[in-house]
Amino acid sequence: MKTLAVLASAVALVGMAIPAHADEADGAFLAALNKAGISYKSPDRAIAAGQKVCDLANSGTSQLDIIRDVHEFNPAFSASAAAKFVQAAASVYCPNILSVDSGGANPNTAS
């Protein structure tokens, strides 16, 4: 019975740790956008768009195509701002997939 209580406590702590990590990553992403001079009306929509960047990368979309998509779907963004947005998302949500400094393919995963 004591083991069950300990296991239940451990599961509860793990469940609470996941949202805390997500909040930390989301905060870091919003801070990266602010540092890059990118404003947003809704933090939730900005976060969702940043996470979508990595979803696209995971599905095989090239970084250049992702930047083009961000630029096309956000006409107020210049190409430079779109690239900064993608780099901010990559640096927080998927640095192992997308390059965060060159605007090209991650040299660690390029073939």
PDB file of N, CA and C in Angstrom:
ATOM      1  N   MET A   1       0.821  -1.186   0.000  1.00  0.00           N
ATOM      2  CA  MET A   1       0.000   0.000   0.000  1.00  0.00           C
ATOM      3  C   MET A   1       0.869   1.256   0.000  1.00  0.00           C
ATOM      4  N   LYS A   2       1.947   1.213   0.764  1.00  0.00           N
ATOM      5  CA  LYS A   2       2.851   2.355   0.827  1.00  0.00           C
ATOM      6  C   LYS A   2       3.485   2.601  -0.542  1.00  0.00           C
ATOM      7  N   THR A   3       3.806   1.541  -1.276  1.00  0.00           N
ATOM      8  CA  THR A   3       4.397   1.664  -2.601  1.00  0.00           C
ATOM      9  C   THR A   3       3.438   2.360  -3.548  1.00  0.00           C
ATOM     10  N   LEU A   4       2.165   2.040  -3.444  1.00  0.00           N
ATOM     11  CA  LEU A   4       1.167   2.671  -4.288  1.00  0.00           C
ATOM     12  C   LEU A   4       1.108   4.180  -4.040  1.00  0.00           C
ATOM     13  N   ALA A   5       1.183   4.591  -2.787  1.00  0.00           N
ATOM     14  CA  ALA A   5       1.163   6.023  -2.452  1.00  0.00           C
ATOM     15  C   ALA A   5       2.389   6.731  -3.009  1.00  0.00           C
ATOM     16  N   VAL A   6       3.544   6.097  -2.915  1.00  0.00           N
ATOM     17  CA  VAL A   6       4.781   6.686  -3.446  1.00  0.00           C
ATOM     18  C   VAL A   6       4.692   6.786  -4.959  1.00  0.00           C
ATOM     19  N   LEU A   7       4.183   5.746  -5.623  1.00  0.00           N
ATOM     20  CA  LEU A   7       4.044   5.746  -7.067  1.00  0.00           C
ATOM     21  C   LEU A   7       3.073   6.840  -7.515  1.00  0.00           C
ATOM     22  N   ALA A   8       1.959   6.973  -6.807  1.00  0.00           N
ATOM     23  CA  ALA A   8       0.984   8.014  -7.135  1.00  0.00           C
ATOM     24  C   ALA A   8       1.595   9.402  -6.983  1.00  0.00           C
ATOM     25  N   SER A   9       2.402   9.609  -5.967  1.00  0.00           N
ATOM     26  CA  SER A   9       3.073  10.900  -5.772  1.00  0.00           C
ATOM     27  C   SER A   9       4.058  11.178  -6.894  1.00  0.00           C
ATOM     28  N   ALA A  10       4.798  10.154  -7.299  1.00  0.00           N
ATOM     29  CA  ALA A  10       5.772  10.321  -8.380  1.00  0.00           C
ATOM     30  C   ALA A  10       5.080  10.671  -9.686  1.00  0.00           C
ATOM     31  N   VAL A  11       3.963  10.012  -9.980  1.00  0.00           N
ATOM     32  CA  VAL A  11       3.214  10.305 -11.198  1.00  0.00           C
ATOM     33  C   VAL A  11       2.687  11.732 -11.159  1.00  0.00           C
ATOM     34  N   ALA A  12       2.201  12.162 -10.022  1.00  0.00           N
ATOM     35  CA  ALA A  12       1.696  13.532  -9.892  1.00  0.00           C
ATOM     36  C   ALA A  12       2.812  14.547 -10.123  1.00  0.00           C
ATOM     37  N   LEU A  13       3.995  14.287  -9.598  1.00  0.00           N
ATOM     38  CA  LEU A  13       5.118  15.204  -9.781  1.00  0.00           C
ATOM     39  C   LEU A  13       5.554  15.255 -11.237  1.00  0.00           C
ATOM     40  N   VAL A  14       5.592  14.116 -11.910  1.00  0.00           N
ATOM     41  CA  VAL A  14       5.965  14.096 -13.318  1.00  0.00           C
ATOM     42  C   VAL A  14       4.928  14.859 -14.129  1.00  0.00           C
ATOM     43  N   GLY A  15       3.660  14.664 -13.825  1.00  0.00           N
ATOM     44  CA  GLY A  15       2.604  15.392 -14.535  1.00  0.00           C
ATOM     45  C   GLY A  15       2.723  16.886 -14.361  1.00  0.00           C
ATOM     46  N   MET A  16       3.168  17.338 -13.218  1.00  0.00           N
ATOM     47  CA  MET A  16       3.324  18.770 -12.979  1.00  0.00           C
ATOM     48  C   MET A  16       4.597  19.297 -13.624  1.00  0.00           C
ATOM     49  N   ALA A  17       5.602  18.472 -13.790  1.00  0.00           N
ATOM     50  CA  ALA A  17       6.874  18.915 -14.359  1.00  0.00           C
ATOM     51  C   ALA A  17       6.753  19.201 -15.847  1.00  0.00           C
ATOM     52  N   ILE A  18       5.931  18.476 -16.551  1.00  0.00           N
ATOM     53  CA  ILE A  18       5.802  18.664 -17.985  1.00  0.00           C
ATOM     54  C   ILE A  18       5.254  20.056 -18.314  1.00  0.00           C
ATOM     55  N   PRO A  19       4.145  20.495 -17.722  1.00  0.00           N
ATOM     56  CA  PRO A  19       3.691  21.858 -18.022  1.00  0.00           C
ATOM     57  C   PRO A  19       4.700  22.926 -17.604  1.00  0.00           C
ATOM     58  N   ALA A  20       5.404  22.704 -16.515  1.00  0.00           N
ATOM     59  CA  ALA A  20       6.406  23.688 -16.087  1.00  0.00           C
ATOM     60  C   ALA A  20       7.487  23.817 -17.142  1.00  0.00           C
ATOM     61  N   HIS A  21       7.922  22.700 -17.718  1.00  0.00           N
ATOM     62  CA  HIS A  21       8.940  22.741 -18.766  1.00  0.00           C
ATOM     63  C   HIS A  21       8.392  23.448 -19.996  1.00  0.00           C
ATOM     64  N   ALA A  22       7.142  23.160 -20.343  1.00  0.00           N
ATOM     65  CA  ALA A  22       6.537  23.813 -21.497  1.00  0.00           C
ATOM     66  C   ALA A  22       6.443  25.319 -21.255  1.00  0.00           C
ATOM     67  N   ASP A  23       6.034  25.718 -20.061  1.00  0.00           N
ATOM     68  CA  ASP A  23       5.958  27.139 -19.747  1.00  0.00           C
ATOM     69  C   ASP A  23       7.322  27.803 -19.852  1.00  0.00           C
ATOM     70  N   GLU A  24       8.353  27.092 -19.399  1.00  0.00           N
ATOM     71  CA  GLU A  24       9.720  27.626 -19.469  1.00  0.00           C
ATOM     72  C   GLU A  24      10.146  27.802 -20.918  1.00  0.00           C
ATOM     73  N   ALA A  25       9.883  26.807 -21.763  1.00  0.00           N
ATOM     74  CA  ALA A  25      10.245  26.894 -23.177  1.00  0.00           C
ATOM     75  C   ALA A  25       9.447  28.004 -23.863  1.00  0.00           C
ATOM     76  N   ASP A  26       8.159  28.072 -23.566  1.00  0.00           N
ATOM     77  CA  ASP A  26       7.325  29.106 -24.176  1.00  0.00           C
ATOM     78  C   ASP A  26       7.793  30.499 -23.774  1.00  0.00           C
ATOM     79  N   GLY A  27       8.164  30.654 -22.512  1.00  0.00           N
ATOM     80  CA  GLY A  27       8.694  31.934 -22.046  1.00  0.00           C
ATOM     81  C   GLY A  27       9.991  32.292 -22.745  1.00  0.00           C
ATOM     82  N   ALA A  28      10.843  31.291 -22.941  1.00  0.00           N
ATOM     83  CA  ALA A  28      12.105  31.522 -23.643  1.00  0.00           C
ATOM     84  C   ALA A  28      11.854  31.921 -25.095  1.00  0.00           C
ATOM     85  N   PHE A  29      10.851  31.291 -25.716  1.00  0.00           N
ATOM     86  CA  PHE A  29      10.516  31.638 -27.099  1.00  0.00           C
ATOM     87  C   PHE A  29      10.015  33.072 -27.200  1.00  0.00           C
ATOM     88  N   LEU A  30       9.100  33.441 -26.318  1.00  0.00           N
ATOM     89  CA  LEU A  30       8.584  34.812 -26.338  1.00  0.00           C
ATOM     90  C   LEU A  30       9.690  35.828 -26.061  1.00  0.00           C
ATOM     91  N   ALA A  31      10.602  35.478 -25.167  1.00  0.00           N
ATOM     92  CA  ALA A  31      11.750  36.359 -24.889  1.00  0.00           C
ATOM     93  C   ALA A  31      12.633  36.491 -26.127  1.00  0.00           C
ATOM     94  N   ALA A  32      12.826  35.389 -26.857  1.00  0.00           N
ATOM     95  CA  ALA A  32      13.638  35.429 -28.082  1.00  0.00           C
ATOM     96  C   ALA A  32      12.966  36.309 -29.137  1.00  0.00           C
ATOM     97  N   LEU A  33      11.641  36.225 -29.227  1.00  0.00           N
ATOM     98  CA  LEU A  33      10.929  37.104 -30.167  1.00  0.00           C
ATOM     99  C   LEU A  33      11.107  38.566 -29.780  1.00  0.00           C
ATOM    100  N   ASN A  34      10.956  38.860 -28.503  1.00  0.00           N
ATOM    101  CA  ASN A  34      11.129  40.233 -28.025  1.00  0.00           C
ATOM    102  C   ASN A  34      12.537  40.737 -28.324  1.00  0.00           C
ATOM    103  N   LYS A  35      13.530  39.892 -28.072  1.00  0.00           N
ATOM    104  CA  LYS A  35      14.926  40.270 -28.322  1.00  0.00           C
ATOM    105  C   LYS A  35      15.164  40.544 -29.805  1.00  0.00           C
ATOM    106  N   ALA A  36      14.462  39.786 -30.664  1.00  0.00           N
ATOM    107  CA  ALA A  36      14.613  39.966 -32.111  1.00  0.00           C
ATOM    108  C   ALA A  36      13.790  41.146 -32.630  1.00  0.00           C
ATOM    109  N   GLY A  37      13.012  41.781 -31.730  1.00  0.00           N
ATOM    110  CA  GLY A  37      12.201  42.914 -32.135  1.00  0.00           C
ATOM    111  C   GLY A  37      10.907  42.521 -32.832  1.00  0.00           C
ATOM    112  N   ILE A  38      10.462  41.294 -32.605  1.00  0.00           N
ATOM    113  CA  ILE A  38       9.226  40.812 -33.221  1.00  0.00           C
ATOM    114  C   ILE A  38       8.096  40.937 -32.212  1.00  0.00           C
ATOM    115  N   SER A  39       7.078  41.713 -32.572  1.00  0.00           N
ATOM    116  CA  SER A  39       5.939  41.887 -31.673  1.00  0.00           C
ATOM    117  C   SER A  39       4.835  40.909 -32.064  1.00  0.00           C
ATOM    118  N   TYR A  40       3.941  40.657 -31.135  1.00  0.00           N
ATOM    119  CA  TYR A  40       2.826  39.744 -31.358  1.00  0.00           C
ATOM    120  C   TYR A  40       1.650  40.214 -30.527  1.00  0.00           C
ATOM    121  N   LYS A  41       0.450  39.959 -31.022  1.00  0.00           N
ATOM    122  CA  LYS A  41      -0.764  40.361 -30.298  1.00  0.00           C
ATOM    123  C   LYS A  41      -1.142  39.313 -29.267  1.00  0.00           C
ATOM    124  N   SER A  42      -0.979  38.057 -29.611  1.00  0.00           N
ATOM    125  CA  SER A  42      -1.392  36.965 -28.732  1.00  0.00           C
ATOM    126  C   SER A  42      -0.214  36.045 -28.459  1.00  0.00           C
ATOM    127  N   PRO A  43       0.246  35.967 -27.217  1.00  0.00           N
ATOM    128  CA  PRO A  43       1.335  35.043 -26.900  1.00  0.00           C
ATOM    129  C   PRO A  43       0.987  33.601 -27.263  1.00  0.00           C
ATOM    130  N   ASP A  44      -0.263  33.193 -27.032  1.00  0.00           N
ATOM    131  CA  ASP A  44      -0.658  31.819 -27.344  1.00  0.00           C
ATOM    132  C   ASP A  44      -0.550  31.519 -28.838  1.00  0.00           C
ATOM    133  N   ARG A  45      -0.963  32.467 -29.665  1.00  0.00           N
ATOM    134  CA  ARG A  45      -0.870  32.253 -31.124  1.00  0.00           C
ATOM    135  C   ARG A  45       0.582  32.276 -31.586  1.00  0.00           C
ATOM    136  N   ALA A  46       1.391  33.134 -30.993  1.00  0.00           N
ATOM    137  CA  ALA A  46       2.812  33.165 -31.349  1.00  0.00           C
ATOM    138  C   ALA A  46       3.472  31.840 -30.980  1.00  0.00           C
ATOM    139  N   ILE A  47       3.161  31.333 -29.801  1.00  0.00           N
ATOM    140  CA  ILE A  47       3.725  30.050 -29.351  1.00  0.00           C
ATOM    141  C   ILE A  47       3.286  28.927 -30.279  1.00  0.00           C
ATOM    142  N   ALA A  48       2.003  28.894 -30.627  1.00  0.00           N
ATOM    143  CA  ALA A  48       1.503  27.852 -31.525  1.00  0.00           C
ATOM    144  C   ALA A  48       2.203  27.918 -32.879  1.00  0.00           C
ATOM    145  N   ALA A  49       2.416  29.127 -33.383  1.00  0.00           N
ATOM    146  CA  ALA A  49       3.112  29.285 -34.665  1.00  0.00           C
ATOM    147  C   ALA A  49       4.564  28.845 -34.545  1.00  0.00           C
ATOM    148  N   GLY A  50       5.199  29.158 -33.426  1.00  0.00           N
ATOM    149  CA  GLY A  50       6.579  28.718 -33.216  1.00  0.00           C
ATOM    150  C   GLY A  50       6.693  27.210 -33.157  1.00  0.00           C
ATOM    151  N   GLN A  51       5.745  26.572 -32.500  1.00  0.00           N
ATOM    152  CA  GLN A  51       5.746  25.110 -32.428  1.00  0.00           C
ATOM    153  C   GLN A  51       5.460  24.496 -33.792  1.00  0.00           C
ATOM    154  N   LYS A  52       4.636  25.175 -34.593  1.00  0.00           N
ATOM    155  CA  LYS A  52       4.328  24.695 -35.944  1.00  0.00           C
ATOM    156  C   LYS A  52       5.586  24.688 -36.811  1.00  0.00           C
ATOM    157  N   VAL A  53       6.476  25.634 -36.573  1.00  0.00           N
ATOM    158  CA  VAL A  53       7.752  25.661 -37.302  1.00  0.00           C
ATOM    159  C   VAL A  53       8.449  24.308 -37.164  1.00  0.00           C
ATOM    160  N   CYS A  54       8.482  23.804 -35.954  1.00  0.00           N
ATOM    161  CA  CYS A  54       9.162  22.535 -35.717  1.00  0.00           C
ATOM    162  C   CYS A  54       8.368  21.342 -36.233  1.00  0.00           C
ATOM    163  N   ASP A  55       7.047  21.448 -36.217  1.00  0.00           N
ATOM    164  CA  ASP A  55       6.217  20.395 -36.829  1.00  0.00           C
ATOM    165  C   ASP A  55       6.539  20.283 -38.313  1.00  0.00           C
ATOM    166  N   LEU A  56       6.655  21.433 -38.974  1.00  0.00           N
ATOM    167  CA  LEU A  56       6.995  21.428 -40.401  1.00  0.00           C
ATOM    168  C   LEU A  56       8.385  20.848 -40.632  1.00  0.00           C
ATOM    169  N   ALA A  57       9.329  21.219 -39.790  1.00  0.00           N
ATOM    170  CA  ALA A  57      10.689  20.692 -39.921  1.00  0.00           C
ATOM    171  C   ALA A  57      10.705  19.182 -39.708  1.00  0.00           C
ATOM    172  N   ASN A  58       9.941  18.726 -38.720  1.00  0.00           N
ATOM    173  CA  ASN A  58       9.864  17.287 -38.456  1.00  0.00           C
ATOM    174  C   ASN A  58       9.259  16.518 -39.620  1.00  0.00           C
ATOM    175  N   SER A  59       8.400  17.179 -40.401  1.00  0.00           N
ATOM    176  CA  SER A  59       7.780  16.500 -41.540  1.00  0.00           C
ATOM    177  C   SER A  59       8.635  16.593 -42.797  1.00  0.00           C
ATOM    178  N   GLY A  60       9.810  17.211 -42.682  1.00  0.00           N
ATOM    179  CA  GLY A  60      10.738  17.241 -43.810  1.00  0.00           C
ATOM    180  C   GLY A  60      10.772  18.543 -44.587  1.00  0.00           C
ATOM    181  N   THR A  61      10.025  19.543 -44.174  1.00  0.00           N
ATOM    182  CA  THR A  61      10.040  20.834 -44.864  1.00  0.00           C
ATOM    183  C   THR A  61      11.376  21.523 -44.597  1.00  0.00           C
ATOM    184  N   SER A  62      11.985  22.057 -45.636  1.00  0.00           N
ATOM    185  CA  SER A  62      13.279  22.715 -45.468  1.00  0.00           C
ATOM    186  C   SER A  62      13.115  24.025 -44.704  1.00  0.00           C
ATOM    187  N   GLN A  63      14.202  24.465 -44.096  1.00  0.00           N
ATOM    188  CA  GLN A  63      14.155  25.708 -43.331  1.00  0.00           C
ATOM    189  C   GLN A  63      13.818  26.888 -44.238  1.00  0.00           C
ATOM    190  N   LEU A  64      14.347  26.892 -45.420  1.00  0.00           N
ATOM    191  CA  LEU A  64      14.057  27.981 -46.359  1.00  0.00           C
ATOM    192  C   LEU A  64      12.570  28.005 -46.706  1.00  0.00           C
ATOM    193  N   ASP A  65      11.968  26.834 -46.931  1.00  0.00           N
ATOM    194  CA  ASP A  65      10.538  26.777 -47.226  1.00  0.00           C
ATOM    195  C   ASP A  65       9.702  27.218 -46.027  1.00  0.00           C
ATOM    196  N   ILE A  66      10.145  26.883 -44.819  1.00  0.00           N
ATOM    197  CA  ILE A  66       9.430  27.315 -43.625  1.00  0.00           C
ATOM    198  C   ILE A  66       9.475  28.837 -43.510  1.00  0.00           C
ATOM    199  N   ILE A  67      10.633  29.425 -43.759  1.00  0.00           N
ATOM    200  CA  ILE A  67      10.765  30.882 -43.716  1.00  0.00           C
ATOM    201  C   ILE A  67       9.848  31.520 -44.761  1.00  0.00           C
ATOM    202  N   ARG A  68       9.818  30.941 -45.969  1.00  0.00           N
ATOM    203  CA  ARG A  68       8.925  31.462 -47.010  1.00  0.00           C
ATOM    204  C   ARG A  68       7.463  31.389 -46.568  1.00  0.00           C
ATOM    205  N   ASP A  69       7.074  30.257 -45.960  1.00  0.00           N
ATOM    206  CA  ASP A  69       5.690  30.103 -45.492  1.00  0.00           C
ATOM    207  C   ASP A  69       5.352  31.141 -44.425  1.00  0.00           C
ATOM    208  N   VAL A  70       6.252  31.334 -43.467  1.00  0.00           N
ATOM    209  CA  VAL A  70       6.017  32.321 -42.415  1.00  0.00           C
ATOM    210  C   VAL A  70       5.852  33.704 -43.036  1.00  0.00           C
ATOM    211  N   HIS A  71       6.692  34.003 -44.002  1.00  0.00           N
ATOM    212  CA  HIS A  71       6.626  35.301 -44.688  1.00  0.00           C
ATOM    213  C   HIS A  71       5.304  35.451 -45.459  1.00  0.00           C
ATOM    214  N   GLU A  72       4.897  34.414 -46.198  1.00  0.00           N
ATOM    215  CA  GLU A  72       3.674  34.475 -46.999  1.00  0.00           C
ATOM    216  C   GLU A  72       2.420  34.591 -46.132  1.00  0.00           C
ATOM    217  N   PHE A  73       2.365  33.850 -45.027  1.00  0.00           N
ATOM    218  CA  PHE A  73       1.169  33.850 -44.186  1.00  0.00           C
ATOM    219  C   PHE A  73       1.129  35.018 -43.207  1.00  0.00           C
ATOM    220  N   ASN A  74       2.197  35.780 -43.148  1.00  0.00           N
ATOM    221  CA  ASN A  74       2.267  36.963 -42.287  1.00  0.00           C
ATOM    222  C   ASN A  74       2.808  38.119 -43.110  1.00  0.00           C
ATOM    223  N   PRO A  75       1.968  38.718 -43.937  1.00  0.00           N
ATOM    224  CA  PRO A  75       2.432  39.759 -44.852  1.00  0.00           C
ATOM    225  C   PRO A  75       3.127  40.936 -44.173  1.00  0.00           C
ATOM    226  N   ALA A  76       2.839  41.159 -42.898  1.00  0.00           N
ATOM    227  CA  ALA A  76       3.502  42.261 -42.196  1.00  0.00           C
ATOM    228  C   ALA A  76       4.963  41.937 -41.901  1.00  0.00           C
ATOM    229  N   PHE A  77       5.325  40.643 -41.972  1.00  0.00           N
ATOM    230  CA  PHE A  77       6.719  40.243 -41.742  1.00  0.00           C
ATOM    231  C   PHE A  77       7.538  40.466 -42.989  1.00  0.00           C
ATOM    232  N   SER A  78       8.690  41.071 -42.829  1.00  0.00           N
ATOM    233  CA  SER A  78       9.659  41.098 -43.921  1.00  0.00           C
ATOM    234  C   SER A  78      10.285  39.699 -43.977  1.00  0.00           C
ATOM    235  N   ALA A  79      11.028  39.426 -45.025  1.00  0.00           N
ATOM    236  CA  ALA A  79      11.716  38.136 -45.114  1.00  0.00           C
ATOM    237  C   ALA A  79      12.678  37.990 -43.937  1.00  0.00           C
ATOM    238  N   SER A  80      13.308  39.082 -43.555  1.00  0.00           N
ATOM    239  CA  SER A  80      14.241  39.060 -42.431  1.00  0.00           C
ATOM    240  C   SER A  80      13.522  38.738 -41.122  1.00  0.00           C
ATOM    241  N   ALA A  81      12.353  39.342 -40.903  1.00  0.00           N
ATOM    242  CA  ALA A  81      11.587  39.065 -39.686  1.00  0.00           C
ATOM    243  C   ALA A  81      11.106  37.620 -39.669  1.00  0.00           C
ATOM    244  N   ALA A  82      10.710  37.098 -40.823  1.00  0.00           N
ATOM    245  CA  ALA A  82      10.286  35.701 -40.899  1.00  0.00           C
ATOM    246  C   ALA A  82      11.444  34.778 -40.534  1.00  0.00           C
ATOM    247  N   ALA A  83      12.638  35.099 -41.028  1.00  0.00           N
ATOM    248  CA  ALA A  83      13.816  34.286 -40.701  1.00  0.00           C
ATOM    249  C   ALA A  83      14.123  34.362 -39.208  1.00  0.00           C
ATOM    250  N   LYS A  84      13.992  35.551 -38.617  1.00  0.00           N
ATOM    251  CA  LYS A  84      14.229  35.700 -37.178  1.00  0.00           C
ATOM    252  C   LYS A  84      13.202  34.909 -36.367  1.00  0.00           C
ATOM    253  N   PHE A  85      11.947  34.909 -36.816  1.00  0.00           N
ATOM    254  CA  PHE A  85      10.909  34.146 -36.135  1.00  0.00           C
ATOM    255  C   PHE A  85      11.241  32.661 -36.162  1.00  0.00           C
ATOM    256  N   VAL A  86      11.614  32.163 -37.334  1.00  0.00           N
ATOM    257  CA  VAL A  86      11.956  30.742 -37.470  1.00  0.00           C
ATOM    258  C   VAL A  86      13.177  30.409 -36.619  1.00  0.00           C
ATOM    259  N   GLN A  87      14.169  31.278 -36.603  1.00  0.00           N
ATOM    260  CA  GLN A  87      15.358  31.028 -35.784  1.00  0.00           C
ATOM    261  C   GLN A  87      15.014  31.027 -34.298  1.00  0.00           C
ATOM    262  N   ALA A  88      14.120  31.920 -33.871  1.00  0.00           N
ATOM    263  CA  ALA A  88      13.710  31.935 -32.467  1.00  0.00           C
ATOM    264  C   ALA A  88      13.004  30.632 -32.111  1.00  0.00           C
ATOM    265  N   ALA A  89      12.111  30.185 -32.985  1.00  0.00           N
ATOM    266  CA  ALA A  89      11.397  28.929 -32.737  1.00  0.00           C
ATOM    267  C   ALA A  89      12.369  27.757 -32.702  1.00  0.00           C
ATOM    268  N   ALA A  90      13.282  27.731 -33.651  1.00  0.00           N
ATOM    269  CA  ALA A  90      14.248  26.630 -33.712  1.00  0.00           C
ATOM    270  C   ALA A  90      15.136  26.592 -32.478  1.00  0.00           C
ATOM    271  N   SER A  91      15.552  27.764 -32.017  1.00  0.00           N
ATOM    272  CA  SER A  91      16.468  27.799 -30.876  1.00  0.00           C
ATOM    273  C   SER A  91      15.833  27.250 -29.608  1.00  0.00           C
ATOM    274  N   VAL A  92      14.511  27.352 -29.508  1.00  0.00           N
ATOM    275  CA  VAL A  92      13.819  26.905 -28.302  1.00  0.00           C
ATOM    276  C   VAL A  92      13.183  25.533 -28.482  1.00  0.00           C
ATOM    277  N   TYR A  93      12.470  25.345 -29.564  1.00  0.00           N
ATOM    278  CA  TYR A  93      11.647  24.149 -29.713  1.00  0.00           C
ATOM    279  C   TYR A  93      12.300  22.995 -30.476  1.00  0.00           C
ATOM    280  N   CYS A  94      13.246  23.283 -31.355  1.00  0.00           N
ATOM    281  CA  CYS A  94      13.834  22.177 -32.125  1.00  0.00           C
ATOM    282  C   CYS A  94      15.253  22.494 -32.611  1.00  0.00           C
ATOM    283  N   PRO A  95      16.161  22.836 -31.703  1.00  0.00           N
ATOM    284  CA  PRO A  95      17.520  23.178 -32.139  1.00  0.00           C
ATOM    285  C   PRO A  95      18.259  21.998 -32.767  1.00  0.00           C
ATOM    286  N   ASN A  96      17.805  20.785 -32.497  1.00  0.00           N
ATOM    287  CA  ASN A  96      18.451  19.608 -33.072  1.00  0.00           C
ATOM    288  C   ASN A  96      17.997  19.348 -34.504  1.00  0.00           C
ATOM    289  N   ILE A  97      16.977  20.077 -34.967  1.00  0.00           N
ATOM    290  CA  ILE A  97      16.461  19.852 -36.320  1.00  0.00           C
ATOM    291  C   ILE A  97      16.819  20.997 -37.255  1.00  0.00           C
ATOM    292  N   LEU A  98      16.659  22.223 -36.776  1.00  0.00           N
ATOM    293  CA  LEU A  98      16.907  23.395 -37.600  1.00  0.00           C
ATOM    294  C   LEU A  98      18.115  24.156 -37.088  1.00  0.00           C
ATOM    295  N   SER A  99      18.813  24.764 -38.011  1.00  0.00           N
ATOM    296  CA  SER A  99      19.935  25.614 -37.648  1.00  0.00           C
ATOM    297  C   SER A  99      19.405  26.879 -36.996  1.00  0.00           C
ATOM    298  N   VAL A 100      20.091  27.350 -35.984  1.00  0.00           N
ATOM    299  CA  VAL A 100      19.651  28.578 -35.318  1.00  0.00           C
ATOM    300  C   VAL A 100      20.524  29.769 -35.666  1.00  0.00           C
ATOM    301  N   ASP A 101      21.551  29.557 -36.478  1.00  0.00           N
ATOM    302  CA  ASP A 101      22.428  30.703 -36.753  1.00  0.00           C
ATOM    303  C   ASP A 101      22.716  30.945 -38.224  1.00  0.00           C
ATOM    304  N   SER A 102      22.563  29.973 -39.073  1.00  0.00           N
ATOM    305  CA  SER A 102      22.966  30.170 -40.462  1.00  0.00           C
ATOM    306  C   SER A 102      21.814  30.387 -41.412  1.00  0.00           C
ATOM    307  N   GLY A 103      20.589  30.055 -40.979  1.00  0.00           N
ATOM    308  CA  GLY A 103      19.462  30.168 -41.891  1.00  0.00           C
ATOM    309  C   GLY A 103      19.371  28.994 -42.846  1.00  0.00           C
ATOM    310  N   GLY A 104      20.242  28.036 -42.722  1.00  0.00           N
ATOM    311  CA  GLY A 104      20.237  26.868 -43.583  1.00  0.00           C
ATOM    312  C   GLY A 104      19.992  25.601 -42.798  1.00  0.00           C
ATOM    313  N   ALA A 105      20.356  24.508 -43.397  1.00  0.00           N
ATOM    314  CA  ALA A 105      20.162  23.220 -42.735  1.00  0.00           C
ATOM    315  C   ALA A 105      21.103  23.095 -41.559  1.00  0.00           C
ATOM    316  N   ASN A 106      20.661  22.406 -40.545  1.00  0.00           N
ATOM    317  CA  ASN A 106      21.501  22.156 -39.379  1.00  0.00           C
ATOM    318  C   ASN A 106      22.688  21.312 -39.817  1.00  0.00           C
ATOM    319  N   PRO A 107      23.924  21.776 -39.590  1.00  0.00           N
ATOM    320  CA  PRO A 107      25.091  21.027 -40.036  1.00  0.00           C
ATOM    321  C   PRO A 107      25.217  19.688 -39.323  1.00  0.00           C
ATOM    322  N   ASN A 108      24.573  19.543 -38.171  1.00  0.00           N
ATOM    323  CA  ASN A 108      24.631  18.276 -37.456  1.00  0.00           C
ATOM    324  C   ASN A 108      23.767  17.214 -38.076  1.00  0.00           C
ATOM    325  N   THR A 109      22.795  17.609 -38.909  1.00  0.00           N
ATOM    326  CA  THR A 109      21.904  16.629 -39.507  1.00  0.00           C
ATOM    327  C   THR A 109      21.981  16.626 -41.027  1.00  0.00           C
ATOM    328  N   ALA A 110      22.713  17.558 -41.608  1.00  0.00           N
ATOM    329  CA  ALA A 110      22.805  17.618 -43.081  1.00  0.00           C
ATOM    330  C   ALA A 110      23.587  16.429 -43.606  1.00  0.00           C
ATOM    331  N   SER A 111      23.163  15.927 -44.762  1.00  0.00           N
ATOM    332  CA  SER A 111      23.887  14.783 -45.342  1.00  0.00           C
ATOM    333  C   SER A 111      24.776  15.200 -46.470  1.00  0.00           C
TER     334      SER A 111
END
